[in-house]
Structure formats: structure tokens, C-alpha cells
Amino acid sequence: MHLLPTLLPSPRTLATLQRVLLVALLTPAVLAALAATIPAMVLLPFLPGGTDRTIRLLAAQRAYLRTLLTGSRPAP
């Protein structure tokens, strides 16, 4: 016998809401990090060794975005 009404959403719905909230909270931080690297993207290619550093910076940004999107997936 249940004394409390079943007002809670299903675990799958909770997992989806968790992902939406996580992405919503982390997206501004990632966008701020991307915006902060714009001057580096403009200047680094003109400096010695700058192309390699630009490639490493882009790889790091891709890793951040991959972590944000795949790490927030709900468990099956």
C-alpha cells in the first residue's frame, strides 16, 4: 500500500532532465572558454610554433565539447 501519491517522474524522465540541466549549466562556461580563445586563434598562427599550439588548443576545445555532450548522457 502506497501512502504517497506517485508524483515523481520516471527514472528515464529524471535522467533526461538531468542531462538538460547539466548541459544548460555547463554550456555558458564552455562558450566563455571558447570566446576567450578567439584572440589566440587570430594571433597564434602568425607566431613561431603558433600553428601547432593552435591545433592543440582546438583539440582541447573539441575534447571539452565531447565531454559535455557525451558525459551528460543518461544511463540506458
PDB file of N, CA and C in Angstrom:
ATOM      1  N   MET A   1       0.843  -1.172   0.000  1.00  0.00           N
ATOM      2  CA  MET A   1       0.000   0.000   0.000  1.00  0.00           C
ATOM      3  C   MET A   1       0.893   1.241   0.000  1.00  0.00           C
ATOM      4  N   HIS A   2       0.640   2.120  -0.964  1.00  0.00           N
ATOM      5  CA  HIS A   2       1.410   3.356  -1.084  1.00  0.00           C
ATOM      6  C   HIS A   2       0.666   4.479  -0.384  1.00  0.00           C
ATOM      7  N   LEU A   3       1.373   5.123   0.488  1.00  0.00           N
ATOM      8  CA  LEU A   3       0.762   6.236   1.202  1.00  0.00           C
ATOM      9  C   LEU A   3       0.952   7.558   0.475  1.00  0.00           C
ATOM     10  N   LEU A   4       2.041   7.657  -0.302  1.00  0.00           N
ATOM     11  CA  LEU A   4       2.317   8.891  -1.027  1.00  0.00           C
ATOM     12  C   LEU A   4       1.850   8.766  -2.464  1.00  0.00           C
ATOM     13  N   PRO A   5       1.308   9.815  -3.015  1.00  0.00           N
ATOM     14  CA  PRO A   5       0.912   9.742  -4.423  1.00  0.00           C
ATOM     15  C   PRO A   5       2.157   9.668  -5.311  1.00  0.00           C
ATOM     16  N   THR A   6       2.011   9.060  -6.440  1.00  0.00           N
ATOM     17  CA  THR A   6       3.150   8.896  -7.344  1.00  0.00           C
ATOM     18  C   THR A   6       3.275  10.130  -8.228  1.00  0.00           C
ATOM     19  N   LEU A   7       3.823  11.178  -7.666  1.00  0.00           N
ATOM     20  CA  LEU A   7       4.014  12.423  -8.387  1.00  0.00           C
ATOM     21  C   LEU A   7       5.398  12.522  -9.012  1.00  0.00           C
ATOM     22  N   LEU A   8       6.282  11.655  -8.643  1.00  0.00           N
ATOM     23  CA  LEU A   8       7.628  11.702  -9.182  1.00  0.00           C
ATOM     24  C   LEU A   8       7.655  11.147 -10.600  1.00  0.00           C
ATOM     25  N   PRO A   9       8.417  11.786 -11.470  1.00  0.00           N
ATOM     26  CA  PRO A   9       8.525  11.260 -12.828  1.00  0.00           C
ATOM     27  C   PRO A   9       9.332   9.965 -12.842  1.00  0.00           C
ATOM     28  N   SER A  10       9.277   9.290 -13.961  1.00  0.00           N
ATOM     29  CA  SER A  10      10.001   8.028 -14.091  1.00  0.00           C
ATOM     30  C   SER A  10      11.505   8.283 -14.069  1.00  0.00           C
ATOM     31  N   PRO A  11      12.290   7.251 -13.748  1.00  0.00           N
ATOM     32  CA  PRO A  11      13.753   7.417 -13.743  1.00  0.00           C
ATOM     33  C   PRO A  11      14.297   7.874 -15.104  1.00  0.00           C
ATOM     34  N   ARG A  12      13.705   7.414 -16.181  1.00  0.00           N
ATOM     35  CA  ARG A  12      14.156   7.834 -17.516  1.00  0.00           C
ATOM     36  C   ARG A  12      13.910   9.330 -17.724  1.00  0.00           C
ATOM     37  N   THR A  13      12.776   9.812 -17.265  1.00  0.00           N
ATOM     38  CA  THR A  13      12.476  11.239 -17.373  1.00  0.00           C
ATOM     39  C   THR A  13      13.426  12.048 -16.502  1.00  0.00           C
ATOM     40  N   LEU A  14      13.712  11.557 -15.321  1.00  0.00           N
ATOM     41  CA  LEU A  14      14.667  12.243 -14.444  1.00  0.00           C
ATOM     42  C   LEU A  14      16.054  12.304 -15.072  1.00  0.00           C
ATOM     43  N   ALA A  15      16.466  11.222 -15.723  1.00  0.00           N
ATOM     44  CA  ALA A  15      17.773  11.199 -16.380  1.00  0.00           C
ATOM     45  C   ALA A  15      17.822  12.210 -17.521  1.00  0.00           C
ATOM     46  N   THR A  16      16.742  12.319 -18.259  1.00  0.00           N
ATOM     47  CA  THR A  16      16.686  13.299 -19.344  1.00  0.00           C
ATOM     48  C   THR A  16      16.739  14.718 -18.791  1.00  0.00           C
ATOM     49  N   LEU A  17      16.006  14.970 -17.738  1.00  0.00           N
ATOM     50  CA  LEU A  17      16.036  16.293 -17.106  1.00  0.00           C
ATOM     51  C   LEU A  17      17.420  16.610 -16.562  1.00  0.00           C
ATOM     52  N   GLN A  18      18.079  15.601 -16.018  1.00  0.00           N
ATOM     53  CA  GLN A  18      19.431  15.790 -15.501  1.00  0.00           C
ATOM     54  C   GLN A  18      20.369  16.207 -16.627  1.00  0.00           C
ATOM     55  N   ARG A  19      20.251  15.567 -17.773  1.00  0.00           N
ATOM     56  CA  ARG A  19      21.118  15.908 -18.896  1.00  0.00           C
ATOM     57  C   ARG A  19      20.847  17.332 -19.363  1.00  0.00           C
ATOM     58  N   VAL A  20      19.583  17.693 -19.464  1.00  0.00           N
ATOM     59  CA  VAL A  20      19.237  19.042 -19.903  1.00  0.00           C
ATOM     60  C   VAL A  20      19.802  20.081 -18.937  1.00  0.00           C
ATOM     61  N   LEU A  21      19.663  19.850 -17.656  1.00  0.00           N
ATOM     62  CA  LEU A  21      20.186  20.794 -16.666  1.00  0.00           C
ATOM     63  C   LEU A  21      21.706  20.864 -16.697  1.00  0.00           C
ATOM     64  N   LEU A  22      22.359  19.716 -16.842  1.00  0.00           N
ATOM     65  CA  LEU A  22      23.819  19.690 -16.886  1.00  0.00           C
ATOM     66  C   LEU A  22      24.335  20.448 -18.096  1.00  0.00           C
ATOM     67  N   VAL A  23      23.748  20.207 -19.248  1.00  0.00           N
ATOM     68  CA  VAL A  23      24.168  20.915 -20.456  1.00  0.00           C
ATOM     69  C   VAL A  23      23.861  22.406 -20.321  1.00  0.00           C
ATOM     70  N   ALA A  24      22.720  22.745 -19.756  1.00  0.00           N
ATOM     71  CA  ALA A  24      22.358  24.154 -19.587  1.00  0.00           C
ATOM     72  C   ALA A  24      23.325  24.880 -18.648  1.00  0.00           C
ATOM     73  N   LEU A  25      23.798  24.190 -17.636  1.00  0.00           N
ATOM     74  CA  LEU A  25      24.732  24.810 -16.697  1.00  0.00           C
ATOM     75  C   LEU A  25      26.150  24.894 -17.245  1.00  0.00           C
ATOM     76  N   LEU A  26      26.569  23.907 -18.013  1.00  0.00           N
ATOM     77  CA  LEU A  26      27.944  23.877 -18.498  1.00  0.00           C
ATOM     78  C   LEU A  26      28.143  24.627 -19.808  1.00  0.00           C
ATOM     79  N   THR A  27      27.100  24.820 -20.577  1.00  0.00           N
ATOM     80  CA  THR A  27      27.243  25.494 -21.867  1.00  0.00           C
ATOM     81  C   THR A  27      27.787  26.917 -21.735  1.00  0.00           C
ATOM     82  N   PRO A  28      27.305  27.738 -20.810  1.00  0.00           N
ATOM     83  CA  PRO A  28      27.894  29.085 -20.694  1.00  0.00           C
ATOM     84  C   PRO A  28      29.389  29.050 -20.361  1.00  0.00           C
ATOM     85  N   ALA A  29      29.807  28.116 -19.536  1.00  0.00           N
ATOM     86  CA  ALA A  29      31.235  28.022 -19.201  1.00  0.00           C
ATOM     87  C   ALA A  29      32.053  27.636 -20.428  1.00  0.00           C
ATOM     88  N   VAL A  30      31.560  26.692 -21.206  1.00  0.00           N
ATOM     89  CA  VAL A  30      32.280  26.281 -22.415  1.00  0.00           C
ATOM     90  C   VAL A  30      32.301  27.418 -23.428  1.00  0.00           C
ATOM     91  N   LEU A  31      31.186  28.116 -23.587  1.00  0.00           N
ATOM     92  CA  LEU A  31      31.148  29.242 -24.516  1.00  0.00           C
ATOM     93  C   LEU A  31      32.092  30.360 -24.082  1.00  0.00           C
ATOM     94  N   ALA A  32      32.191  30.601 -22.793  1.00  0.00           N
ATOM     95  CA  ALA A  32      33.127  31.614 -22.294  1.00  0.00           C
ATOM     96  C   ALA A  32      34.569  31.201 -22.595  1.00  0.00           C
ATOM     97  N   ALA A  33      34.865  29.916 -22.424  1.00  0.00           N
ATOM     98  CA  ALA A  33      36.212  29.435 -22.732  1.00  0.00           C
ATOM     99  C   ALA A  33      36.507  29.555 -24.225  1.00  0.00           C
ATOM    100  N   LEU A  34      35.526  29.257 -25.050  1.00  0.00           N
ATOM    101  CA  LEU A  34      35.713  29.400 -26.494  1.00  0.00           C
ATOM    102  C   LEU A  34      35.911  30.865 -26.883  1.00  0.00           C
ATOM    103  N   ALA A  35      35.119  31.753 -26.289  1.00  0.00           N
ATOM    104  CA  ALA A  35      35.248  33.175 -26.593  1.00  0.00           C
ATOM    105  C   ALA A  35      36.602  33.722 -26.138  1.00  0.00           C
ATOM    106  N   ALA A  36      37.115  33.208 -25.042  1.00  0.00           N
ATOM    107  CA  ALA A  36      38.409  33.672 -24.542  1.00  0.00           C
ATOM    108  C   ALA A  36      39.555  33.246 -25.449  1.00  0.00           C
ATOM    109  N   THR A  37      39.353  32.220 -26.252  1.00  0.00           N
ATOM    110  CA  THR A  37      40.436  31.752 -27.122  1.00  0.00           C
ATOM    111  C   THR A  37      40.409  32.402 -28.504  1.00  0.00           C
ATOM    112  N   ILE A  38      39.408  33.211 -28.799  1.00  0.00           N
ATOM    113  CA  ILE A  38      39.336  33.852 -30.120  1.00  0.00           C
ATOM    114  C   ILE A  38      40.571  34.707 -30.410  1.00  0.00           C
ATOM    115  N   PRO A  39      41.038  35.551 -29.484  1.00  0.00           N
ATOM    116  CA  PRO A  39      42.260  36.310 -29.786  1.00  0.00           C
ATOM    117  C   PRO A  39      43.468  35.392 -30.052  1.00  0.00           C
ATOM    118  N   ALA A  40      43.550  34.301 -29.328  1.00  0.00           N
ATOM    119  CA  ALA A  40      44.659  33.373 -29.562  1.00  0.00           C
ATOM    120  C   ALA A  40      44.558  32.749 -30.941  1.00  0.00           C
ATOM    121  N   MET A  41      43.348  32.425 -31.363  1.00  0.00           N
ATOM    122  CA  MET A  41      43.164  31.827 -32.693  1.00  0.00           C
ATOM    123  C   MET A  41      43.558  32.814 -33.795  1.00  0.00           C
ATOM    124  N   VAL A  42      43.374  34.089 -33.538  1.00  0.00           N
ATOM    125  CA  VAL A  42      43.715  35.095 -34.539  1.00  0.00           C
ATOM    126  C   VAL A  42      45.231  35.337 -34.576  1.00  0.00           C
ATOM    127  N   LEU A  43      45.876  35.369 -33.423  1.00  0.00           N
ATOM    128  CA  LEU A  43      47.285  35.739 -33.361  1.00  0.00           C
ATOM    129  C   LEU A  43      48.265  34.563 -33.454  1.00  0.00           C
ATOM    130  N   LEU A  44      47.924  33.432 -32.894  1.00  0.00           N
ATOM    131  CA  LEU A  44      48.882  32.324 -32.832  1.00  0.00           C
ATOM    132  C   LEU A  44      49.425  31.858 -34.181  1.00  0.00           C
ATOM    133  N   PRO A  45      48.638  31.775 -35.224  1.00  0.00           N
ATOM    134  CA  PRO A  45      49.210  31.297 -36.492  1.00  0.00           C
ATOM    135  C   PRO A  45      50.348  32.163 -37.032  1.00  0.00           C
ATOM    136  N   PHE A  46      50.440  33.398 -36.585  1.00  0.00           N
ATOM    137  CA  PHE A  46      51.490  34.297 -37.079  1.00  0.00           C
ATOM    138  C   PHE A  46      52.749  34.253 -36.213  1.00  0.00           C
ATOM    139  N   LEU A  47      52.739  33.532 -35.134  1.00  0.00           N
ATOM    140  CA  LEU A  47      53.900  33.421 -34.249  1.00  0.00           C
ATOM    141  C   LEU A  47      54.658  32.134 -34.547  1.00  0.00           C
ATOM    142  N   PRO A  48      55.931  32.079 -34.207  1.00  0.00           N
ATOM    143  CA  PRO A  48      56.688  30.834 -34.414  1.00  0.00           C
ATOM    144  C   PRO A  48      56.100  29.700 -33.566  1.00  0.00           C
ATOM    145  N   GLY A  49      55.809  28.591 -34.188  1.00  0.00           N
ATOM    146  CA  GLY A  49      55.223  27.454 -33.490  1.00  0.00           C
ATOM    147  C   GLY A  49      53.758  27.642 -33.151  1.00  0.00           C
ATOM    148  N   GLY A  50      53.184  28.719 -33.634  1.00  0.00           N
ATOM    149  CA  GLY A  50      51.806  29.037 -33.287  1.00  0.00           C
ATOM    150  C   GLY A  50      50.788  28.096 -33.904  1.00  0.00           C
ATOM    151  N   THR A  51      51.106  27.568 -35.073  1.00  0.00           N
ATOM    152  CA  THR A  51      50.165  26.657 -35.720  1.00  0.00           C
ATOM    153  C   THR A  51      49.974  25.402 -34.883  1.00  0.00           C
ATOM    154  N   ASP A  52      51.072  24.875 -34.360  1.00  0.00           N
ATOM    155  CA  ASP A  52      50.975  23.684 -33.509  1.00  0.00           C
ATOM    156  C   ASP A  52      50.189  23.978 -32.238  1.00  0.00           C
ATOM    157  N   ARG A  53      50.414  25.128 -31.658  1.00  0.00           N
ATOM    158  CA  ARG A  53      49.681  25.492 -30.449  1.00  0.00           C
ATOM    159  C   ARG A  53      48.203  25.706 -30.744  1.00  0.00           C
ATOM    160  N   THR A  54      47.903  26.267 -31.915  1.00  0.00           N
ATOM    161  CA  THR A  54      46.506  26.455 -32.304  1.00  0.00           C
ATOM    162  C   THR A  54      45.812  25.111 -32.471  1.00  0.00           C
ATOM    163  N   ILE A  55      46.497  24.160 -33.081  1.00  0.00           N
ATOM    164  CA  ILE A  55      45.928  22.817 -33.256  1.00  0.00           C
ATOM    165  C   ILE A  55      45.676  22.165 -31.902  1.00  0.00           C
ATOM    166  N   ARG A  56      46.602  22.297 -30.961  1.00  0.00           N
ATOM    167  CA  ARG A  56      46.407  21.731 -29.619  1.00  0.00           C
ATOM    168  C   ARG A  56      45.252  22.413 -28.898  1.00  0.00           C
ATOM    169  N   LEU A  57      45.115  23.712 -29.091  1.00  0.00           N
ATOM    170  CA  LEU A  57      44.010  24.449 -28.470  1.00  0.00           C
ATOM    171  C   LEU A  57      42.665  23.990 -29.029  1.00  0.00           C
ATOM    172  N   LEU A  58      42.596  23.804 -30.335  1.00  0.00           N
ATOM    173  CA  LEU A  58      41.358  23.315 -30.946  1.00  0.00           C
ATOM    174  C   LEU A  58      41.038  21.890 -30.494  1.00  0.00           C
ATOM    175  N   ALA A  59      42.064  21.057 -30.339  1.00  0.00           N
ATOM    176  CA  ALA A  59      41.845  19.683 -29.854  1.00  0.00           C
ATOM    177  C   ALA A  59      41.315  19.701 -28.422  1.00  0.00           C
ATOM    178  N   ALA A  60      41.823  20.604 -27.601  1.00  0.00           N
ATOM    179  CA  ALA A  60      41.334  20.709 -26.219  1.00  0.00           C
ATOM    180  C   ALA A  60      39.880  21.169 -26.202  1.00  0.00           C
ATOM    181  N   GLN A  61      39.537  22.128 -27.054  1.00  0.00           N
ATOM    182  CA  GLN A  61      38.152  22.587 -27.111  1.00  0.00           C
ATOM    183  C   GLN A  61      37.219  21.480 -27.589  1.00  0.00           C
ATOM    184  N   ARG A  62      37.671  20.698 -28.555  1.00  0.00           N
ATOM    185  CA  ARG A  62      36.850  19.589 -29.036  1.00  0.00           C
ATOM    186  C   ARG A  62      36.641  18.562 -27.922  1.00  0.00           C
ATOM    187  N   ALA A  63      37.682  18.326 -27.124  1.00  0.00           N
ATOM    188  CA  ALA A  63      37.560  17.388 -26.005  1.00  0.00           C
ATOM    189  C   ALA A  63      36.578  17.913 -24.955  1.00  0.00           C
ATOM    190  N   TYR A  64      36.605  19.221 -24.682  1.00  0.00           N
ATOM    191  CA  TYR A  64      35.659  19.807 -23.728  1.00  0.00           C
ATOM    192  C   TYR A  64      34.231  19.606 -24.199  1.00  0.00           C
ATOM    193  N   LEU A  65      34.000  19.898 -25.474  1.00  0.00           N
ATOM    194  CA  LEU A  65      32.642  19.762 -26.003  1.00  0.00           C
ATOM    195  C   LEU A  65      32.199  18.302 -26.028  1.00  0.00           C
ATOM    196  N   ARG A  66      33.108  17.390 -26.377  1.00  0.00           N
ATOM    197  CA  ARG A  66      32.762  15.969 -26.386  1.00  0.00           C
ATOM    198  C   ARG A  66      32.408  15.505 -24.981  1.00  0.00           C
ATOM    199  N   THR A  67      33.176  15.942 -23.997  1.00  0.00           N
ATOM    200  CA  THR A  67      32.900  15.575 -22.605  1.00  0.00           C
ATOM    201  C   THR A  67      31.558  16.135 -22.157  1.00  0.00           C
ATOM    202  N   LEU A  68      31.277  17.360 -22.542  1.00  0.00           N
ATOM    203  CA  LEU A  68      30.000  17.971 -22.171  1.00  0.00           C
ATOM    204  C   LEU A  68      28.822  17.193 -22.742  1.00  0.00           C
ATOM    205  N   LEU A  69      28.922  16.805 -24.002  1.00  0.00           N
ATOM    206  CA  LEU A  69      27.776  16.179 -24.648  1.00  0.00           C
ATOM    207  C   LEU A  69      27.677  14.687 -24.376  1.00  0.00           C
ATOM    208  N   THR A  70      28.781  13.967 -24.373  1.00  0.00           N
ATOM    209  CA  THR A  70      28.685  12.517 -24.157  1.00  0.00           C
ATOM    210  C   THR A  70      28.680  12.173 -22.675  1.00  0.00           C
ATOM    211  N   GLY A  71      29.314  12.976 -21.859  1.00  0.00           N
ATOM    212  CA  GLY A  71      29.346  12.694 -20.425  1.00  0.00           C
ATOM    213  C   GLY A  71      28.039  12.968 -19.725  1.00  0.00           C
ATOM    214  N   SER A  72      27.156  13.691 -20.386  1.00  0.00           N
ATOM    215  CA  SER A  72      25.878  14.005 -19.757  1.00  0.00           C
ATOM    216  C   SER A  72      24.754  13.071 -20.189  1.00  0.00           C
ATOM    217  N   ARG A  73      25.070  12.070 -20.979  1.00  0.00           N
ATOM    218  CA  ARG A  73      24.040  11.133 -21.428  1.00  0.00           C
ATOM    219  C   ARG A  73      23.504  10.320 -20.244  1.00  0.00           C
ATOM    220  N   PRO A  74      22.214  10.104 -20.218  1.00  0.00           N
ATOM    221  CA  PRO A  74      21.672   9.257 -19.146  1.00  0.00           C
ATOM    222  C   PRO A  74      22.043   7.797 -19.389  1.00  0.00           C
ATOM    223  N   ALA A  75      22.144   7.067 -18.323  1.00  0.00           N
ATOM    224  CA  ALA A  75      22.443   5.640 -18.428  1.00  0.00           C
ATOM    225  C   ALA A  75      21.258   4.917 -19.094  1.00  0.00           C
ATOM    226  N   PRO A  76      21.542   3.892 -19.913  1.00  0.00           N
ATOM    227  CA  PRO A  76      20.431   3.193 -20.585  1.00  0.00           C
ATOM    228  C   PRO A  76      19.551   2.422 -19.639  1.00  0.00           C
TER     229      PRO A  76
END
